[in-house]
Protein backbone atom coordinates (compact mmCIF):
# COMPACT_ATOMS: atom_id res chain seq x y z
CA MET A 1 13.30 -5.24 16.66
CA THR A 2 9.22 -5.89 15.90
CA ASN A 3 7.63 -8.77 15.82
CA GLY A 4 10.85 -10.38 15.74
CA ILE A 5 12.74 -8.80 12.78
CA GLN A 6 14.76 -5.87 12.36
CA THR A 7 12.20 -2.98 10.40
CA TYR A 8 13.76 0.22 9.13
CA PHE A 9 11.64 2.78 9.32
CA GLU A 10 11.91 6.61 8.66
CA LYS A 11 9.78 9.64 10.68
CA GLN A 12 9.75 12.75 9.74
CA GLY A 13 7.56 16.18 10.63
CA LYS A 14 5.56 17.31 13.79
CA GLY A 15 2.05 16.98 14.77
CA PRO A 16 -0.66 14.09 14.16
CA VAL A 17 0.59 10.73 13.12
CA ILE A 18 0.27 9.23 9.36
CA ILE A 19 1.63 5.99 8.85
CA PHE A 20 2.39 5.21 5.20
CA VAL A 21 2.19 1.75 4.10
CA SER A 22 3.67 0.25 0.33
CA GLY A 23 1.60 -2.33 -1.56
CA LEU A 24 3.39 -5.41 -3.37
CA GLY A 25 7.57 -3.25 -3.16
CA GLY A 26 6.94 -2.83 0.19
CA THR A 27 10.07 0.07 0.81
CA ALA A 28 9.03 3.48 2.04
CA ALA A 29 10.59 4.94 -0.91
CA TYR A 30 7.33 4.46 -2.78
CA TRP A 31 6.14 7.79 -0.78
CA ALA A 32 8.34 9.96 -1.42
CA PRO A 33 6.16 12.29 -3.45
CA GLN A 34 4.16 12.40 -0.18
CA VAL A 35 6.68 12.68 2.65
CA ALA A 36 8.11 16.28 2.55
CA TRP A 37 4.29 17.44 1.54
CA PHE A 38 2.79 15.96 4.42
CA ALA A 39 5.55 16.55 6.80
CA GLN A 40 4.92 19.92 6.97
CA ASP A 41 1.87 19.31 9.03
CA PHE A 42 2.10 15.86 10.39
CA THR A 43 4.69 13.32 11.71
CA VAL A 44 5.10 11.24 8.73
CA VAL A 45 6.06 7.30 9.30
CA THR A 46 7.49 5.43 6.58
CA TYR A 47 9.02 1.71 6.80
CA ASP A 48 9.85 -0.68 4.87
CA GLN A 49 7.92 -4.22 5.32
CA ARG A 50 9.29 -7.44 6.01
CA GLY A 51 10.70 -8.80 2.82
CA ALA A 52 11.36 -5.60 1.58
CA GLY A 53 14.28 -2.65 1.06
CA ARG A 54 16.29 -2.38 4.36
CA SER A 55 14.15 -4.47 6.70
CA ASP A 56 14.94 -8.23 7.14
CA HIS A 57 14.42 -10.79 4.74
CA PRO A 58 13.61 -13.85 6.60
CA ALA A 59 12.45 -17.10 4.82
CA GLY A 60 8.71 -17.54 3.74
CA PRO A 61 5.99 -18.25 3.59
CA TYR A 62 4.39 -14.77 4.19
CA SER A 63 1.31 -13.65 4.92
CA LEU A 64 -0.95 -10.86 5.04
CA ASP A 65 -1.48 -11.61 8.72
CA THR A 66 2.00 -11.43 9.63
CA LEU A 67 2.83 -8.18 7.65
CA ALA A 68 -0.45 -6.75 10.05
CA ASP A 69 1.20 -8.22 13.30
CA ASP A 70 4.06 -6.06 11.82
CA LEU A 71 2.71 -3.19 11.57
CA GLN A 72 1.23 -3.38 15.02
CA ALA A 73 4.56 -4.20 16.37
CA LEU A 74 5.88 -0.94 14.94
CA ILE A 75 3.21 0.95 16.07
CA ALA A 76 3.78 0.27 19.29
CA ALA A 77 7.62 0.16 19.36
CA LEU A 78 7.29 3.85 18.11
CA GLY A 79 4.51 4.86 21.17
CA LEU A 80 2.21 6.37 17.95
CA VAL A 81 -0.90 7.49 19.41
CA ARG A 82 -4.03 6.93 16.79
CA PRO A 83 -2.10 7.27 13.99
CA VAL A 84 -4.23 7.76 10.46
CA LEU A 85 -2.92 4.62 8.20
CA VAL A 86 -2.84 5.10 4.48
CA GLY A 87 -2.26 1.74 2.78
CA HIS A 88 -1.55 1.59 -0.77
CA SER A 89 -2.78 -1.98 -2.67
CA THR A 90 -1.17 -4.82 -0.31
CA GLY A 91 -0.84 -1.91 2.02
CA GLY A 92 -4.48 -1.19 2.52
CA ALA A 93 -5.26 -4.93 2.49
CA ILE A 94 -2.89 -4.78 5.85
CA GLY A 95 -5.04 -1.83 6.93
CA GLN A 96 -8.21 -3.78 6.63
CA ILE A 97 -6.94 -6.50 8.85
CA LEU A 98 -5.32 -4.59 11.16
CA ALA A 99 -8.34 -2.29 12.03
CA ALA A 100 -10.69 -5.61 11.81
CA ARG A 101 -9.26 -6.63 14.85
CA GLN A 102 -7.59 -3.60 16.66
CA PRO A 103 -10.63 -1.52 16.81
CA GLY A 104 -9.74 2.16 18.06
CA LEU A 105 -5.73 1.41 17.26
CA LEU A 106 -6.36 3.98 14.30
CA ALA A 107 -8.06 7.38 13.87
CA GLY A 108 -8.60 6.81 10.13
CA MET A 109 -7.48 5.03 7.06
CA VAL A 110 -7.11 5.48 3.56
CA LEU A 111 -7.34 2.39 1.56
CA TYR A 112 -6.14 3.45 -1.92
CA ALA A 113 -5.91 0.96 -4.98
CA SER A 114 -7.18 -2.08 -2.37
CA TRP A 115 -9.14 -4.84 -2.78
CA PRO A 116 -11.41 -6.55 -0.58
CA ARG A 117 -10.54 -10.26 -1.74
CA SER A 118 -8.75 -11.50 -4.34
CA ASP A 119 -11.00 -12.81 -7.47
CA LEU A 120 -10.36 -14.35 -10.82
CA HIS A 121 -9.08 -11.30 -12.46
CA PHE A 122 -6.81 -9.95 -9.81
CA ASN A 123 -5.26 -13.40 -9.61
CA TRP A 124 -4.96 -13.63 -13.58
CA CYS A 125 -2.95 -10.52 -13.14
CA PHE A 126 -0.50 -11.77 -10.44
CA ARG A 127 -0.34 -14.94 -12.07
CA MET A 128 1.14 -13.20 -15.22
CA ARG A 129 3.56 -11.09 -12.57
CA ARG A 130 4.52 -14.30 -10.88
CA ALA A 131 5.45 -15.79 -14.00
CA LEU A 132 7.37 -12.95 -15.48
CA LEU A 133 9.31 -13.31 -12.01
CA VAL A 134 10.12 -17.08 -12.28
CA GLY A 135 10.97 -17.23 -15.81
CA SER A 136 12.60 -13.67 -16.99
CA SER A 137 15.43 -11.67 -15.85
CA LEU A 138 14.58 -9.11 -12.70
CA GLU A 139 14.75 -6.61 -15.60
CA GLU A 140 12.27 -7.49 -17.29
CA TYR A 141 10.14 -8.44 -14.13
CA VAL A 142 9.81 -4.81 -12.87
CA HIS A 143 9.26 -3.18 -16.48
CA GLY A 144 6.60 -5.33 -17.31
CA SER A 145 4.95 -4.69 -13.62
CA ALA A 146 4.99 -1.23 -14.39
CA LEU A 147 2.28 -1.79 -17.22
CA PHE A 148 -0.15 -2.95 -14.72
CA LEU A 149 1.10 0.37 -12.42
CA TYR A 150 0.96 3.15 -14.82
CA PRO A 151 -1.72 4.13 -17.49
CA PRO A 152 -0.27 4.39 -20.80
CA GLU A 153 0.20 8.14 -21.62
CA HIS A 154 2.07 8.33 -18.36
CA LEU A 155 4.27 5.16 -19.35
CA SER A 156 4.81 6.92 -22.51
CA LYS A 157 5.77 10.42 -21.07
CA HIS A 158 7.97 9.22 -18.28
CA ALA A 159 9.82 6.30 -19.70
CA GLU A 160 13.18 8.02 -19.91
CA ARG A 161 12.89 8.41 -16.32
CA LEU A 162 11.29 5.22 -15.14
CA SER A 163 13.46 2.88 -16.50
CA PRO A 164 16.64 4.02 -14.60
CA ALA A 165 14.53 3.64 -11.51
CA LEU A 166 13.47 0.46 -12.20
CA LEU A 167 16.76 -0.89 -13.14
CA ALA A 168 18.03 0.38 -9.86
CA SER A 169 15.31 -1.69 -8.29
CA ALA A 170 16.53 -4.60 -9.68
CA ARG A 171 19.55 -4.35 -8.59
CA HIS A 172 18.56 -4.09 -5.08
CA PHE A 173 15.66 -6.96 -5.61
CA PRO A 174 14.94 -9.26 -2.39
CA GLN A 175 15.26 -12.69 -2.87
CA ARG A 176 13.01 -14.16 -5.87
CA ASP A 177 11.86 -16.93 -3.36
CA VAL A 178 10.90 -13.83 -1.25
CA VAL A 179 8.86 -11.73 -3.60
CA LEU A 180 7.08 -15.36 -4.64
CA SER A 181 5.82 -15.55 -1.23
CA ARG A 182 4.59 -12.11 -0.48
CA ILE A 183 2.83 -12.41 -4.32
CA ASP A 184 1.41 -15.85 -2.69
CA ALA A 185 -0.08 -13.85 0.50
CA ILE A 186 -1.75 -11.26 -1.65
CA MET A 187 -3.36 -13.73 -3.83
CA ALA A 188 -4.35 -15.29 -0.68
CA HIS A 189 -6.15 -11.73 0.41
CA ASP A 190 -9.85 -12.48 1.56
CA ALA A 191 -10.93 -9.82 4.35
CA THR A 192 -14.72 -10.51 3.70
CA ALA A 193 -15.49 -11.51 7.09
CA LEU A 194 -13.21 -8.92 8.82
CA LEU A 195 -14.56 -5.39 6.73
CA PRO A 196 -18.14 -5.26 8.39
CA LEU A 197 -16.21 -5.26 12.05
CA ILE A 198 -14.34 -2.53 10.64
CA THR A 199 -15.67 1.14 12.99
CA THR A 200 -12.21 3.08 11.90
CA PRO A 201 -13.38 5.93 9.69
CA THR A 202 -12.42 4.78 6.48
CA LEU A 203 -11.53 6.70 2.97
CA VAL A 204 -11.42 4.42 -0.37
CA VAL A 205 -10.08 6.13 -3.18
CA CYS A 206 -8.84 4.49 -6.39
CA ALA A 207 -8.19 5.83 -10.30
CA GLN A 208 -10.68 4.64 -12.92
CA ASP A 209 -8.14 3.38 -15.35
CA ASP A 210 -6.51 1.32 -12.62
CA ILE A 211 -6.36 -2.12 -14.27
CA LEU A 212 -4.57 -3.88 -11.82
CA THR A 213 -7.30 -3.06 -8.64
CA PRO A 214 -10.11 -2.00 -10.74
CA PRO A 215 -12.90 0.64 -9.14
CA TYR A 216 -15.52 -2.26 -9.02
CA GLN A 217 -12.98 -3.39 -5.56
CA SER A 218 -12.92 -0.44 -4.17
CA ARG A 219 -16.60 -0.05 -4.60
CA LEU A 220 -16.99 -3.53 -2.72
CA LEU A 221 -14.65 -2.23 -0.34
CA ALA A 222 -16.91 0.90 0.17
CA GLY A 223 -19.64 -0.92 0.43
CA ALA A 224 -18.54 -3.35 3.20
CA ILE A 225 -17.15 -1.28 5.51
CA ALA A 226 -19.77 0.86 7.44
CA GLY A 227 -19.65 4.62 6.65
CA ALA A 228 -16.90 4.02 4.68
CA GLU A 229 -16.37 7.58 2.16
CA LEU A 230 -15.49 6.49 -1.80
CA THR A 231 -13.35 8.80 -3.86
CA ILE A 232 -13.03 8.03 -7.74
CA VAL A 233 -10.77 9.83 -10.08
CA PRO A 234 -10.84 9.61 -13.42
CA GLN A 235 -7.59 8.78 -14.23
CA GLY A 236 -3.61 8.03 -12.51
CA GLY A 237 -3.31 3.98 -12.77
CA HIS A 238 -2.78 1.94 -10.02
CA SER A 239 -0.38 4.21 -8.65
CA PHE A 240 -2.28 7.45 -8.77
CA SER A 241 0.13 8.91 -5.62
CA GLU A 242 2.57 8.31 -7.87
CA THR A 243 1.54 9.91 -11.24
CA GLU A 244 -1.14 12.42 -9.67
CA PRO A 245 0.56 13.11 -6.24
CA PRO A 246 -0.93 16.61 -6.09
CA LEU A 247 -4.72 15.12 -6.52
CA PHE A 248 -3.96 12.45 -4.30
CA ASN A 249 -2.33 14.38 -1.44
CA GLN A 250 -5.34 17.13 -1.47
CA ILE A 251 -7.70 14.02 -1.57
CA ALA A 252 -5.99 12.84 1.72
CA LEU A 253 -5.33 15.71 3.64
CA ASP A 254 -8.83 16.55 2.92
CA PHE A 255 -10.06 13.39 4.91
CA MET A 256 -7.30 13.67 7.44
CA THR A 257 -8.60 17.39 8.42
CA ARG A 258 -12.38 15.67 8.56
CA VAL A 259 -11.22 13.12 10.74
CA HIS A 260 -9.10 15.09 13.27
CA HIS A 261 -11.64 17.60 13.70
CA ALA A 262 -14.15 14.94 14.42
CA ASN A 263 -11.58 13.59 17.27
């Protein structure tokens, strides 16, 4: 029990700790292309967030502050000492909040395809995703959402593999009200006042062709966090760790190696 809910987690490998924090989908499974690779040299922790996967799905309203509370409670419950946080999209927003209010908790942080505050473009995208969720089947929602996650060429090449996985995710989908509340929470995100408080060594990374959180969002993030590094790769879309895992893994590994040598 962490912060009042049952939280599903997985822990693999040994060595310095990495905790991977997923985006809107909120599940540990998102990090499948990373877990085995990093577990060779690190202790890798993944988990399902409140309202996602095998963790509890309490009724809303949800907030990113609550999701950050959940993560802080999980870190404490597992006795994780100064983990590096790798946060994708919403996971990066959770990391921003946690690092700002708990200096020293994290050894380092990778903010991947994330954003500092919601703007008109971001909310326009999620207005569409929200409308899909409310007005169509779950199958149409997950397929429509894929257009925001993957580059066109990747989607075209891998549609036969991706579609069954998307249909499977729809079969195990949380209550619509829970997902709508999670969407509302991310649309309300504004860490403008928090980012200057962050002292955690930070890498901001995204793909040039990410249409959901475009590179300008990562530039804003890196510019607001003292000493943050910024890496923008040519392609990979919003789910760059899934579409280009060797490149993503190496970029993250290089940063973690520098962080641990510095400590």
